[in-house]
PDB file of N, CA and C in Angstrom:
ATOM      1  N   UNK A   1     103.278  46.187  99.749  1.00  0.00           N
ATOM      2  CA  UNK A   1     104.565  46.873  99.771  1.00  0.00           C
ATOM      3  C   UNK A   1     105.601  46.072  98.987  1.00  0.00           C
ATOM      4  N   UNK A   2     106.361  46.764  98.194  1.00  0.00           N
ATOM      5  CA  UNK A   2     107.455  46.128  97.465  1.00  0.00           C
ATOM      6  C   UNK A   2     108.654  46.002  98.403  1.00  0.00           C
ATOM      7  N   UNK A   3     109.431  44.958  98.194  1.00  0.00           N
ATOM      8  CA  UNK A   3     110.638  44.753  98.989  1.00  0.00           C
ATOM      9  C   UNK A   3     111.832  44.701  98.066  1.00  0.00           C
ATOM     10  N   UNK A   4     112.812  45.542  98.348  1.00  0.00           N
ATOM     11  CA  UNK A   4     114.083  45.527  97.636  1.00  0.00           C
ATOM     12  C   UNK A   4     115.180  45.374  98.667  1.00  0.00           C
ATOM     13  N   UNK A   5     116.063  44.396  98.455  1.00  0.00           N
ATOM     14  CA  UNK A   5     117.225  44.204  99.328  1.00  0.00           C
ATOM     15  C   UNK A   5     116.821  44.066 100.798  1.00  0.00           C
ATOM     16  N   UNK A   6     115.654  43.504 101.066  1.00  0.00           N
ATOM     17  CA  UNK A   6     115.206  43.283 102.433  1.00  0.00           C
ATOM     18  C   UNK A   6     114.593  44.492 103.105  1.00  0.00           C
ATOM     19  N   UNK A   7     114.282  45.542 102.342  1.00  0.00           N
ATOM     20  CA  UNK A   7     113.705  46.758 102.909  1.00  0.00           C
ATOM     21  C   UNK A   7     112.327  46.971 102.296  1.00  0.00           C
ATOM     22  N   UNK A   8     111.342  47.255 103.141  1.00  0.00           N
ATOM     23  CA  UNK A   8     109.994  47.555 102.648  1.00  0.00           C
ATOM     24  C   UNK A   8     109.974  48.960 102.061  1.00  0.00           C
ATOM     25  N   UNK A   9     109.525  49.048 100.831  1.00  0.00           N
ATOM     26  CA  UNK A   9     109.426  50.326 100.140  1.00  0.00           C
ATOM     27  C   UNK A   9     107.972  50.770 100.200  1.00  0.00           C
ATOM     28  N   UNK A  10     107.694  52.030 100.620  1.00  0.00           N
ATOM     29  CA  UNK A  10     106.299  52.475 100.722  1.00  0.00           C
ATOM     30  C   UNK A  10     105.623  52.554  99.350  1.00  0.00           C
ATOM     31  N   UNK A  11     104.395  52.080  99.273  1.00  0.00           N
ATOM     32  CA  UNK A  11     103.641  52.065  98.018  1.00  0.00           C
ATOM     33  C   UNK A  11     103.003  53.399  97.676  1.00  0.00           C
ATOM     34  N   UNK A  12     102.676  54.197  98.698  1.00  0.00           N
ATOM     35  CA  UNK A  12     101.912  55.411  98.460  1.00  0.00           C
ATOM     36  C   UNK A  12     102.765  56.602  98.040  1.00  0.00           C
ATOM     37  N   UNK A  13     104.089  56.446  97.984  1.00  0.00           N
ATOM     38  CA  UNK A  13     104.967  57.549  97.590  1.00  0.00           C
ATOM     39  C   UNK A  13     105.412  57.373  96.150  1.00  0.00           C
ATOM     40  N   UNK A  14     105.879  58.466  95.566  1.00  0.00           N
ATOM     41  CA  UNK A  14     106.388  58.399  94.194  1.00  0.00           C
ATOM     42  C   UNK A  14     107.607  57.481  94.151  1.00  0.00           C
ATOM     43  N   UNK A  15     107.796  56.820  93.028  1.00  0.00           N
ATOM     44  CA  UNK A  15     108.888  55.856  92.879  1.00  0.00           C
ATOM     45  C   UNK A  15     110.232  56.517  93.108  1.00  0.00           C
ATOM     46  N   UNK A  16     110.362  57.760  92.651  1.00  0.00           N
ATOM     47  CA  UNK A  16     111.610  58.514  92.811  1.00  0.00           C
ATOM     48  C   UNK A  16     111.987  58.653  94.290  1.00  0.00           C
ATOM     49  N   UNK A  17     111.001  58.892  95.138  1.00  0.00           N
ATOM     50  CA  UNK A  17     111.237  59.079  96.571  1.00  0.00           C
ATOM     51  C   UNK A  17     111.313  57.735  97.287  1.00  0.00           C
ATOM     52  N   UNK A  18     110.498  56.789  96.875  1.00  0.00           N
ATOM     53  CA  UNK A  18     110.447  55.492  97.547  1.00  0.00           C
ATOM     54  C   UNK A  18     111.774  54.760  97.486  1.00  0.00           C
ATOM     55  N   UNK A  19     112.470  54.854  96.364  1.00  0.00           N
ATOM     56  CA  UNK A  19     113.747  54.144  96.227  1.00  0.00           C
ATOM     57  C   UNK A  19     114.821  54.698  97.165  1.00  0.00           C
ATOM     58  N   UNK A  20     114.648  55.948  97.614  1.00  0.00           N
ATOM     59  CA  UNK A  20     115.643  56.530  98.516  1.00  0.00           C
ATOM     60  C   UNK A  20     115.562  55.927  99.913  1.00  0.00           C
ATOM     61  N   UNK A  21     114.593  55.068 100.186  1.00  0.00           N
ATOM     62  CA  UNK A  21     114.528  54.374 101.468  1.00  0.00           C
ATOM     63  C   UNK A  21     115.631  53.325 101.571  1.00  0.00           C
ATOM     64  N   UNK A  22     116.237  52.973 100.458  1.00  0.00           N
ATOM     65  CA  UNK A  22     117.355  52.031 100.459  1.00  0.00           C
ATOM     66  C   UNK A  22     118.636  52.763 100.809  1.00  0.00           C
ATOM     67  N   UNK A  23     119.443  52.184 101.682  1.00  0.00           N
ATOM     68  CA  UNK A  23     120.716  52.770 102.066  1.00  0.00           C
ATOM     69  C   UNK A  23     121.637  52.768 100.848  1.00  0.00           C
ATOM     70  N   UNK A  24     122.175  53.924 100.510  1.00  0.00           N
ATOM     71  CA  UNK A  24     123.084  54.016  99.376  1.00  0.00           C
ATOM     72  C   UNK A  24     122.427  54.526  98.120  1.00  0.00           C
ATOM     73  N   UNK A  25     121.123  54.818  98.166  1.00  0.00           N
ATOM     74  CA  UNK A  25     120.431  55.363  96.999  1.00  0.00           C
ATOM     75  C   UNK A  25     119.829  56.709  97.378  1.00  0.00           C
ATOM     76  N   UNK A  26     120.281  57.739  96.681  1.00  0.00           N
ATOM     77  CA  UNK A  26     119.747  59.077  96.862  1.00  0.00           C
ATOM     78  C   UNK A  26     118.818  59.409  95.701  1.00  0.00           C
ATOM     79  N   UNK A  27     118.450  60.665  95.607  1.00  0.00           N
ATOM     80  CA  UNK A  27     117.517  61.091  94.577  1.00  0.00           C
ATOM     81  C   UNK A  27     118.134  60.933  93.186  1.00  0.00           C
ATOM     82  N   UNK A  28     119.394  61.303  93.022  1.00  0.00           N
ATOM     83  CA  UNK A  28     120.032  61.223  91.709  1.00  0.00           C
ATOM     84  C   UNK A  28     120.129  59.785  91.226  1.00  0.00           C
ATOM     85  N   UNK A  29     120.581  58.900  92.084  1.00  0.00           N
ATOM     86  CA  UNK A  29     120.699  57.496  91.694  1.00  0.00           C
ATOM     87  C   UNK A  29     119.321  56.873  91.472  1.00  0.00           C
ATOM     88  N   UNK A  30     118.348  57.292  92.253  1.00  0.00           N
ATOM     89  CA  UNK A  30     116.981  56.809  92.086  1.00  0.00           C
ATOM     90  C   UNK A  30     116.449  57.196  90.709  1.00  0.00           C
ATOM     91  N   UNK A  31     116.664  58.450  90.316  1.00  0.00           N
ATOM     92  CA  UNK A  31     116.218  58.908  88.997  1.00  0.00           C
ATOM     93  C   UNK A  31     116.925  58.146  87.892  1.00  0.00           C
ATOM     94  N   UNK A  32     118.203  57.889  88.072  1.00  0.00           N
ATOM     95  CA  UNK A  32     118.969  57.147  87.073  1.00  0.00           C
ATOM     96  C   UNK A  32     118.410  55.740  86.891  1.00  0.00           C
ATOM     97  N   UNK A  33     118.116  55.069  88.000  1.00  0.00           N
ATOM     98  CA  UNK A  33     117.554  53.718  87.931  1.00  0.00           C
ATOM     99  C   UNK A  33     116.203  53.714  87.224  1.00  0.00           C
ATOM    100  N   UNK A  34     115.347  54.662  87.579  1.00  0.00           N
ATOM    101  CA  UNK A  34     114.020  54.722  86.977  1.00  0.00           C
ATOM    102  C   UNK A  34     114.104  55.045  85.480  1.00  0.00           C
ATOM    103  N   UNK A  35     115.005  55.924  85.107  1.00  0.00           N
ATOM    104  CA  UNK A  35     115.159  56.284  83.705  1.00  0.00           C
ATOM    105  C   UNK A  35     115.598  55.069  82.884  1.00  0.00           C
ATOM    106  N   UNK A  36     116.588  54.328  83.407  1.00  0.00           N
ATOM    107  CA  UNK A  36     117.091  53.161  82.689  1.00  0.00           C
ATOM    108  C   UNK A  36     116.072  52.022  82.652  1.00  0.00           C
ATOM    109  N   UNK A  37     115.184  51.967  83.652  1.00  0.00           N
ATOM    110  CA  UNK A  37     114.140  50.943  83.662  1.00  0.00           C
ATOM    111  C   UNK A  37     112.929  51.364  82.836  1.00  0.00           C
ATOM    112  N   UNK A  38     112.916  52.638  82.401  1.00  0.00           N
ATOM    113  CA  UNK A  38     111.803  53.127  81.586  1.00  0.00           C
ATOM    114  C   UNK A  38     110.549  53.399  82.387  1.00  0.00           C
ATOM    115  N   UNK A  39     110.713  53.868  83.624  1.00  0.00           N
ATOM    116  CA  UNK A  39     109.581  54.135  84.521  1.00  0.00           C
ATOM    117  C   UNK A  39     109.484  55.634  84.753  1.00  0.00           C
ATOM    118  N   UNK A  40     108.277  56.166  84.745  1.00  0.00           N
ATOM    119  CA  UNK A  40     108.047  57.583  85.005  1.00  0.00           C
ATOM    120  C   UNK A  40     108.396  57.893  86.458  1.00  0.00           C
ATOM    121  N   UNK A  41     109.087  59.036  86.675  1.00  0.00           N
ATOM    122  CA  UNK A  41     109.520  59.405  88.030  1.00  0.00           C
ATOM    123  C   UNK A  41     108.336  59.620  88.975  1.00  0.00           C
ATOM    124  N   UNK A  42     107.253  60.190  88.466  1.00  0.00           N
ATOM    125  CA  UNK A  42     106.109  60.528  89.302  1.00  0.00           C
ATOM    126  C   UNK A  42     105.170  59.370  89.590  1.00  0.00           C
ATOM    127  N   UNK A  43     105.396  58.231  88.973  1.00  0.00           N
ATOM    128  CA  UNK A  43     104.514  57.080  89.168  1.00  0.00           C
ATOM    129  C   UNK A  43     104.675  56.546  90.596  1.00  0.00           C
ATOM    130  N   UNK A  44     103.565  56.172  91.209  1.00  0.00           N
ATOM    131  CA  UNK A  44     103.605  55.643  92.577  1.00  0.00           C
ATOM    132  C   UNK A  44     104.133  54.216  92.574  1.00  0.00           C
ATOM    133  N   UNK A  45     104.809  53.830  93.652  1.00  0.00           N
ATOM    134  CA  UNK A  45     105.357  52.471  93.737  1.00  0.00           C
ATOM    135  C   UNK A  45     104.249  51.421  93.698  1.00  0.00           C
ATOM    136  N   UNK A  46     103.102  51.710  94.267  1.00  0.00           N
ATOM    137  CA  UNK A  46     101.991  50.770  94.259  1.00  0.00           C
ATOM    138  C   UNK A  46     101.410  50.546  92.872  1.00  0.00           C
ATOM    139  N   UNK A  47     101.645  51.503  91.966  1.00  0.00           N
ATOM    140  CA  UNK A  47     101.106  51.400  90.610  1.00  0.00           C
ATOM    141  C   UNK A  47     102.034  50.655  89.650  1.00  0.00           C
ATOM    142  N   UNK A  48     103.238  50.302  90.093  1.00  0.00           N
ATOM    143  CA  UNK A  48     104.178  49.597  89.215  1.00  0.00           C
ATOM    144  C   UNK A  48     103.716  48.157  89.011  1.00  0.00           C
ATOM    145  N   UNK A  49     103.866  47.666  87.792  1.00  0.00           N
ATOM    146  CA  UNK A  49     103.513  46.272  87.543  1.00  0.00           C
ATOM    147  C   UNK A  49     104.728  45.375  87.799  1.00  0.00           C
ATOM    148  N   UNK A  50     104.526  44.079  87.728  1.00  0.00           N
ATOM    149  CA  UNK A  50     105.593  43.119  88.044  1.00  0.00           C
ATOM    150  C   UNK A  50     106.791  43.258  87.114  1.00  0.00           C
ATOM    151  N   UNK A  51     106.535  43.570  85.841  1.00  0.00           N
ATOM    152  CA  UNK A  51     107.623  43.714  84.874  1.00  0.00           C
ATOM    153  C   UNK A  51     108.552  44.861  85.268  1.00  0.00           C
ATOM    154  N   UNK A  52     107.957  45.998  85.702  1.00  0.00           N
ATOM    155  CA  UNK A  52     108.758  47.163  86.093  1.00  0.00           C
ATOM    156  C   UNK A  52     109.537  46.898  87.377  1.00  0.00           C
ATOM    157  N   UNK A  53     108.925  46.190  88.310  1.00  0.00           N
ATOM    158  CA  UNK A  53     109.604  45.880  89.569  1.00  0.00           C
ATOM    159  C   UNK A  53     110.785  44.938  89.332  1.00  0.00           C
ATOM    160  N   UNK A  54     110.594  43.943  88.474  1.00  0.00           N
ATOM    161  CA  UNK A  54     111.712  43.034  88.172  1.00  0.00           C
ATOM    162  C   UNK A  54     112.827  43.765  87.434  1.00  0.00           C
ATOM    163  N   UNK A  55     112.479  44.736  86.592  1.00  0.00           N
ATOM    164  CA  UNK A  55     113.499  45.533  85.898  1.00  0.00           C
ATOM    165  C   UNK A  55     114.318  46.325  86.907  1.00  0.00           C
ATOM    166  N   UNK A  56     113.650  46.900  87.909  1.00  0.00           N
ATOM    167  CA  UNK A  56     114.367  47.649  88.953  1.00  0.00           C
ATOM    168  C   UNK A  56     115.276  46.719  89.767  1.00  0.00           C
ATOM    169  N   UNK A  57     114.763  45.544  90.124  1.00  0.00           N
ATOM    170  CA  UNK A  57     115.573  44.586  90.889  1.00  0.00           C
ATOM    171  C   UNK A  57     116.820  44.182  90.114  1.00  0.00           C
ATOM    172  N   UNK A  58     116.651  43.950  88.818  1.00  0.00           N
ATOM    173  CA  UNK A  58     117.767  43.551  87.972  1.00  0.00           C
ATOM    174  C   UNK A  58     118.826  44.645  87.923  1.00  0.00           C
ATOM    175  N   UNK A  59     118.384  45.909  87.777  1.00  0.00           N
ATOM    176  CA  UNK A  59     119.326  47.028  87.754  1.00  0.00           C
ATOM    177  C   UNK A  59     120.050  47.174  89.088  1.00  0.00           C
ATOM    178  N   UNK A  60     119.333  46.978  90.191  1.00  0.00           N
ATOM    179  CA  UNK A  60     119.957  47.085  91.512  1.00  0.00           C
ATOM    180  C   UNK A  60     121.003  45.993  91.725  1.00  0.00           C
ATOM    181  N   UNK A  61     120.726  44.791  91.223  1.00  0.00           N
ATOM    182  CA  UNK A  61     121.682  43.689  91.373  1.00  0.00           C
ATOM    183  C   UNK A  61     122.940  43.917  90.547  1.00  0.00           C
ATOM    184  N   UNK A  62     122.793  44.536  89.368  1.00  0.00           N
ATOM    185  CA  UNK A  62     123.938  44.765  88.493  1.00  0.00           C
ATOM    186  C   UNK A  62     124.848  45.863  89.015  1.00  0.00           C
ATOM    187  N   UNK A  63     124.280  46.841  89.700  1.00  0.00           N
ATOM    188  CA  UNK A  63     125.054  48.015  90.100  1.00  0.00           C
ATOM    189  C   UNK A  63     125.855  47.784  91.367  1.00  0.00           C
ATOM    190  N   UNK A  64     126.383  48.909  91.854  1.00  0.00           N
ATOM    191  CA  UNK A  64     127.170  48.878  93.085  1.00  0.00           C
ATOM    192  C   UNK A  64     126.346  48.382  94.260  1.00  0.00           C
ATOM    193  N   UNK A  65     127.034  48.140  95.352  1.00  0.00           N
ATOM    194  CA  UNK A  65     126.394  47.601  96.548  1.00  0.00           C
ATOM    195  C   UNK A  65     125.401  48.605  97.139  1.00  0.00           C
ATOM    196  N   UNK A  66     124.320  48.083  97.698  1.00  0.00           N
ATOM    197  CA  UNK A  66     123.356  48.881  98.458  1.00  0.00           C
ATOM    198  C   UNK A  66     122.999  48.100  99.712  1.00  0.00           C
ATOM    199  N   UNK A  67     122.379  48.784 100.653  1.00  0.00           N
ATOM    200  CA  UNK A  67     121.921  48.187 101.916  1.00  0.00           C
ATOM    201  C   UNK A  67     123.016  47.435 102.662  1.00  0.00           C
ATOM    202  N   UNK A  68     122.814  46.173 102.988  1.00  0.00           N
ATOM    203  CA  UNK A  68     123.714  45.417 103.863  1.00  0.00           C
ATOM    204  C   UNK A  68     125.132  45.324 103.344  1.00  0.00           C
ATOM    205  N   UNK A  69     125.290  45.089 102.042  1.00  0.00           N
ATOM    206  CA  UNK A  69     126.625  44.990 101.469  1.00  0.00           C
ATOM    207  C   UNK A  69     127.377  46.308 101.591  1.00  0.00           C
ATOM    208  N   UNK A  70     126.692  47.411 101.335  1.00  0.00           N
ATOM    209  CA  UNK A  70     127.321  48.725 101.420  1.00  0.00           C
ATOM    210  C   UNK A  70     127.666  49.065 102.870  1.00  0.00           C
ATOM    211  N   UNK A  71     126.770  48.761 103.790  1.00  0.00           N
ATOM    212  CA  UNK A  71     127.052  49.011 105.216  1.00  0.00           C
ATOM    213  C   UNK A  71     128.274  48.217 105.668  1.00  0.00           C
ATOM    214  N   UNK A  72     128.356  46.966 105.223  1.00  0.00           N
ATOM    215  CA  UNK A  72     129.494  46.117 105.573  1.00  0.00           C
ATOM    216  C   UNK A  72     130.792  46.674 104.993  1.00  0.00           C
ATOM    217  N   UNK A  73     130.718  47.149 103.754  1.00  0.00           N
ATOM    218  CA  UNK A  73     131.895  47.709 103.090  1.00  0.00           C
ATOM    219  C   UNK A  73     132.403  48.957 103.813  1.00  0.00           C
ATOM    220  N   UNK A  74     131.479  49.839 104.205  1.00  0.00           N
ATOM    221  CA  UNK A  74     131.847  51.062 104.917  1.00  0.00           C
ATOM    222  C   UNK A  74     132.463  50.716 106.276  1.00  0.00           C
ATOM    223  N   UNK A  75     131.860  49.759 106.995  1.00  0.00           N
ATOM    224  CA  UNK A  75     132.388  49.350 108.297  1.00  0.00           C
ATOM    225  C   UNK A  75     133.781  48.751 108.163  1.00  0.00           C
ATOM    226  N   UNK A  76     134.005  47.975 107.111  1.00  0.00           N
ATOM    227  CA  UNK A  76     135.323  47.381 106.888  1.00  0.00           C
ATOM    228  C   UNK A  76     136.363  48.455 106.574  1.00  0.00           C
ATOM    229  N   UNK A  77     135.972  49.479 105.814  1.00  0.00           N
ATOM    230  CA  UNK A  77     136.893  50.581 105.512  1.00  0.00           C
ATOM    231  C   UNK A  77     137.299  51.324 106.782  1.00  0.00           C
ATOM    232  N   UNK A  78     136.333  51.572 107.665  1.00  0.00           N
ATOM    233  CA  UNK A  78     136.628  52.270 108.923  1.00  0.00           C
ATOM    234  C   UNK A  78     137.500  51.393 109.812  1.00  0.00           C
ATOM    235  N   UNK A  79     137.204  50.096 109.873  1.00  0.00           N
ATOM    236  CA  UNK A  79     138.001  49.170 110.670  1.00  0.00           C
ATOM    237  C   UNK A  79     139.441  49.119 110.165  1.00  0.00           C
ATOM    238  N   UNK A  80     139.617  49.136 108.839  1.00  0.00           N
ATOM    239  CA  UNK A  80     140.963  49.123 108.245  1.00  0.00           C
ATOM    240  C   UNK A  80     141.737  50.377 108.652  1.00  0.00           C
ATOM    241  N   UNK A  81     141.077  51.531 108.628  1.00  0.00           N
ATOM    242  CA  UNK A  81     141.736  52.775 109.031  1.00  0.00           C
ATOM    243  C   UNK A  81     142.167  52.708 110.490  1.00  0.00           C
ATOM    244  N   UNK A  82     141.333  52.117 111.339  1.00  0.00           N
ATOM    245  CA  UNK A  82     141.681  52.020 112.762  1.00  0.00           C
ATOM    246  C   UNK A  82     142.839  51.053 112.973  1.00  0.00           C
ATOM    247  N   UNK A  83     142.862  49.962 112.208  1.00  0.00           N
ATOM    248  CA  UNK A  83     143.926  48.965 112.386  1.00  0.00           C
ATOM    249  C   UNK A  83     145.285  49.481 111.959  1.00  0.00           C
ATOM    250  N   UNK A  84     145.337  50.252 110.875  1.00  0.00           N
ATOM    251  CA  UNK A  84     146.645  50.745 110.429  1.00  0.00           C
ATOM    252  C   UNK A  84     147.103  51.942 111.249  1.00  0.00           C
ATOM    253  N   UNK A  85     146.198  52.503 112.045  1.00  0.00           N
ATOM    254  CA  UNK A  85     146.572  53.555 112.985  1.00  0.00           C
ATOM    255  C   UNK A  85     146.775  54.910 112.343  1.00  0.00           C
ATOM    256  N   UNK A  86     146.158  55.165 111.200  1.00  0.00           N
ATOM    257  CA  UNK A  86     146.298  56.468 110.574  1.00  0.00           C
ATOM    258  C   UNK A  86     145.480  57.501 111.359  1.00  0.00           C
ATOM    259  N   UNK A  87     145.662  58.773 111.001  1.00  0.00           N
ATOM    260  CA  UNK A  87     145.011  59.851 111.725  1.00  0.00           C
ATOM    261  C   UNK A  87     143.494  59.681 111.735  1.00  0.00           C
ATOM    262  N   UNK A  88     142.916  59.400 110.573  1.00  0.00           N
ATOM    263  CA  UNK A  88     141.467  59.224 110.495  1.00  0.00           C
ATOM    264  C   UNK A  88     141.002  58.042 111.337  1.00  0.00           C
ATOM    265  N   UNK A  89     141.783  56.974 111.383  1.00  0.00           N
ATOM    266  CA  UNK A  89     141.434  55.822 112.198  1.00  0.00           C
ATOM    267  C   UNK A  89     141.456  56.140 113.677  1.00  0.00           C
ATOM    268  N   UNK A  90     142.448  56.922 114.095  1.00  0.00           N
ATOM    269  CA  UNK A  90     142.547  57.320 115.503  1.00  0.00           C
ATOM    270  C   UNK A  90     141.351  58.180 115.887  1.00  0.00           C
ATOM    271  N   UNK A  91     140.948  59.093 114.995  1.00  0.00           N
ATOM    272  CA  UNK A  91     139.790  59.948 115.271  1.00  0.00           C
ATOM    273  C   UNK A  91     138.509  59.108 115.379  1.00  0.00           C
ATOM    274  N   UNK A  92     138.368  58.094 114.521  1.00  0.00           N
ATOM    275  CA  UNK A  92     137.218  57.199 114.626  1.00  0.00           C
ATOM    276  C   UNK A  92     137.244  56.464 115.958  1.00  0.00           C
ATOM    277  N   UNK A  93     138.397  55.964 116.342  1.00  0.00           N
ATOM    278  CA  UNK A  93     138.514  55.189 117.585  1.00  0.00           C
ATOM    279  C   UNK A  93     138.163  56.032 118.799  1.00  0.00           C
ATOM    280  N   UNK A  94     138.565  57.302 118.794  1.00  0.00           N
ATOM    281  CA  UNK A  94     138.304  58.176 119.936  1.00  0.00           C
ATOM    282  C   UNK A  94     136.921  58.823 119.905  1.00  0.00           C
ATOM    283  N   UNK A  95     136.216  58.666 118.793  1.00  0.00           N
ATOM    284  CA  UNK A  95     134.884  59.253 118.693  1.00  0.00           C
ATOM    285  C   UNK A  95     134.898  60.749 118.484  1.00  0.00           C
ATOM    286  N   UNK A  96     135.923  61.236 117.803  1.00  0.00           N
ATOM    287  CA  UNK A  96     136.053  62.659 117.519  1.00  0.00           C
ATOM    288  C   UNK A  96     135.778  62.913 116.045  1.00  0.00           C
ATOM    289  N   UNK A  97     135.559  64.181 115.657  1.00  0.00           N
ATOM    290  CA  UNK A  97     135.329  64.477 114.240  1.00  0.00           C
ATOM    291  C   UNK A  97     136.513  64.042 113.392  1.00  0.00           C
ATOM    292  N   UNK A  98     136.230  63.480 112.234  1.00  0.00           N
ATOM    293  CA  UNK A  98     137.253  62.872 111.402  1.00  0.00           C
ATOM    294  C   UNK A  98     137.752  63.830 110.324  1.00  0.00           C
ATOM    295  N   UNK A  99     136.915  64.732 109.880  1.00  0.00           N
ATOM    296  CA  UNK A  99     137.234  65.522 108.696  1.00  0.00           C
ATOM    297  C   UNK A  99     137.724  66.934 108.986  1.00  0.00           C
ATOM    298  N   UNK A 100     138.445  67.112 110.070  1.00  0.00           N
ATOM    299  CA  UNK A 100     139.108  68.381 110.311  1.00  0.00           C
ATOM    300  C   UNK A 100     138.283  69.451 110.990  1.00  0.00           C
ATOM    301  N   UNK A 101     137.101  69.115 111.508  1.00  0.00           N
ATOM    302  CA  UNK A 101     136.301  70.135 112.171  1.00  0.00           C
ATOM    303  C   UNK A 101     136.938  70.509 113.507  1.00  0.00           C
ATOM    304  N   UNK A 102     136.601  71.691 113.986  1.00  0.00           N
ATOM    305  CA  UNK A 102     137.142  72.144 115.259  1.00  0.00           C
ATOM    306  C   UNK A 102     136.464  71.407 116.415  1.00  0.00           C
ATOM    307  N   UNK A 103     137.182  71.241 117.508  1.00  0.00           N
ATOM    308  CA  UNK A 103     136.613  70.556 118.662  1.00  0.00           C
ATOM    309  C   UNK A 103     136.712  71.385 119.941  1.00  0.00           C
ATOM    310  N   UNK A 104     137.355  72.547 119.881  1.00  0.00           N
ATOM    311  CA  UNK A 104     137.437  73.367 121.079  1.00  0.00           C
ATOM    312  C   UNK A 104     136.034  73.746 121.541  1.00  0.00           C
ATOM    313  N   UNK A 105     135.219  74.165 120.598  1.00  0.00           N
ATOM    314  CA  UNK A 105     133.797  74.341 120.855  1.00  0.00           C
ATOM    315  C   UNK A 105     133.077  73.486 119.827  1.00  0.00           C
ATOM    316  N   UNK A 106     131.827  73.263 120.014  1.00  0.00           N
ATOM    317  CA  UNK A 106     131.007  72.457 119.091  1.00  0.00           C
ATOM    318  C   UNK A 106     131.431  70.988 119.088  1.00  0.00           C
ATOM    319  N   UNK A 107     131.079  70.263 118.064  1.00  0.00           N
ATOM    320  CA  UNK A 107     131.341  68.819 117.931  1.00  0.00           C
ATOM    321  C   UNK A 107     130.624  68.008 119.008  1.00  0.00           C
ATOM    322  N   UNK A 108     129.533  68.551 119.568  1.00  0.00           N
ATOM    323  CA  UNK A 108     128.848  67.837 120.645  1.00  0.00           C
ATOM    324  C   UNK A 108     128.164  66.570 120.142  1.00  0.00           C
ATOM    325  N   UNK A 109     127.680  66.567 118.926  1.00  0.00           N
ATOM    326  CA  UNK A 109     127.003  65.368 118.448  1.00  0.00           C
ATOM    327  C   UNK A 109     127.985  64.219 118.277  1.00  0.00           C
ATOM    328  N   UNK A 110     129.200  64.497 117.910  1.00  0.00           N
ATOM    329  CA  UNK A 110     130.201  63.452 117.726  1.00  0.00           C
ATOM    330  C   UNK A 110     130.858  63.066 119.058  1.00  0.00           C
ATOM    331  N   UNK A 111     131.097  64.048 119.921  1.00  0.00           N
ATOM    332  CA  UNK A 111     131.778  63.773 121.191  1.00  0.00           C
ATOM    333  C   UNK A 111     130.835  63.255 122.267  1.00  0.00           C
ATOM    334  N   UNK A 112     129.544  63.530 122.117  1.00  0.00           N
ATOM    335  CA  UNK A 112     128.585  63.094 123.122  1.00  0.00           C
ATOM    336  C   UNK A 112     128.288  64.202 124.108  1.00  0.00           C
ATOM    337  N   UNK A 113     127.457  63.893 125.085  1.00  0.00           N
ATOM    338  CA  UNK A 113     127.070  64.896 126.082  1.00  0.00           C
ATOM    339  C   UNK A 113     128.267  65.275 126.928  1.00  0.00           C
ATOM    340  N   UNK A 114     128.222  66.503 127.413  1.00  0.00           N
ATOM    341  CA  UNK A 114     129.315  66.979 128.258  1.00  0.00           C
ATOM    342  C   UNK A 114     129.343  66.192 129.558  1.00  0.00           C
ATOM    343  N   UNK A 115     130.546  65.870 129.984  1.00  0.00           N
ATOM    344  CA  UNK A 115     130.685  65.248 131.300  1.00  0.00           C
ATOM    345  C   UNK A 115     130.701  66.367 132.335  1.00  0.00           C
ATOM    346  N   UNK A 116     130.276  66.090 133.549  1.00  0.00           N
ATOM    347  CA  UNK A 116     130.211  67.124 134.575  1.00  0.00           C
ATOM    348  C   UNK A 116     131.576  67.759 134.825  1.00  0.00           C
ATOM    349  N   UNK A 117     131.644  69.074 134.730  1.00  0.00           N
ATOM    350  CA  UNK A 117     132.916  69.755 134.939  1.00  0.00           C
ATOM    351  C   UNK A 117     133.304  69.749 136.421  1.00  0.00           C
ATOM    352  N   UNK A 118     132.365  70.194 137.245  1.00  0.00           N
ATOM    353  CA  UNK A 118     132.632  70.247 138.684  1.00  0.00           C
ATOM    354  C   UNK A 118     131.499  69.494 139.363  1.00  0.00           C
ATOM    355  N   UNK A 119     131.841  68.430 140.038  1.00  0.00           N
ATOM    356  CA  UNK A 119     130.817  67.595 140.650  1.00  0.00           C
ATOM    357  C   UNK A 119     130.348  68.191 141.966  1.00  0.00           C
ATOM    358  N   UNK A 120     129.040  68.296 142.132  1.00  0.00           N
ATOM    359  CA  UNK A 120     128.410  68.716 143.386  1.00  0.00           C
ATOM    360  C   UNK A 120     128.957  70.023 143.939  1.00  0.00           C
ATOM    361  N   UNK A 121     129.074  71.018 143.104  1.00  0.00           N
ATOM    362  CA  UNK A 121     129.532  72.320 143.593  1.00  0.00           C
ATOM    363  C   UNK A 121     128.410  72.935 144.426  1.00  0.00           C
ATOM    364  N   UNK A 122     128.709  73.301 145.673  1.00  0.00           N
ATOM    365  CA  UNK A 122     127.697  73.831 146.577  1.00  0.00           C
ATOM    366  C   UNK A 122     127.499  75.312 146.323  1.00  0.00           C
ATOM    367  N   UNK A 123     126.231  75.716 146.350  1.00  0.00           N
ATOM    368  CA  UNK A 123     125.909  77.120 146.175  1.00  0.00           C
ATOM    369  C   UNK A 123     126.167  77.858 147.474  1.00  0.00           C
ATOM    370  N   UNK A 124     126.695  79.042 147.341  1.00  0.00           N
ATOM    371  CA  UNK A 124     126.936  79.845 148.547  1.00  0.00           C
ATOM    372  C   UNK A 124     125.633  80.476 148.972  1.00  0.00           C
ATOM    373  N   UNK A 125     125.312  80.357 150.243  1.00  0.00           N
ATOM    374  CA  UNK A 125     124.059  80.939 150.748  1.00  0.00           C
ATOM    375  C   UNK A 125     124.387  82.023 151.762  1.00  0.00           C
ATOM    376  N   UNK A 126     123.561  83.073 151.744  1.00  0.00           N
ATOM    377  CA  UNK A 126     123.782  84.184 152.686  1.00  0.00           C
ATOM    378  C   UNK A 126     122.610  84.333 153.598  1.00  0.00           C
TER     379      UNK A 126
END
């Protein structure tokens, strides 16, 4: 298995798909990296030689942050929003949707499971 930025990349998948295992790299960026490195998109990661792998590593180092650096950058941006107390920061702090979605209904994945509305309501028996 090849390792990029501390992440194991699967050998049995196409290079185009394998690179998307890195945080911050999608299909478009993966294709761009492979094109600039001169590697066929359909080639399997296990079939790449050392020269091609070093070319990919070099391109990844030159470009924007990926993996740990990118995660740290995103976390710092969210922390900054919370510290200055802007609307988006307050929504992050409260665990509510940040981008204007409705919360009267839905938003369960962001808000979490429903808390019990009425605790231990007894059923009426006849």
